[in-house]
């Protein structure tokens, strides 16, 4: 199993060509969705089944006594 981590252009290219699993972390849903689509599209362009490349999202947790405090920390 090949696991790749990183969202740079070179990292995305390597992941699309070789990775079974790609670890990534994004602080918002839209960039995470864009990353997902990009990796799946690139994999298909390399003749791979896009479903064979699994995306393993990291999470970024910000804790506060209130939602406002957590948003401020974020």
Foldseek 3Di string as FASTA:
>chain_A
DAEFEDDDPVRLLCLLQDNQEYEYEDADDVVVVVSLVSSLVSNVVNVHHSVSYHYHYDYDDFDDPDPVRSVVVD
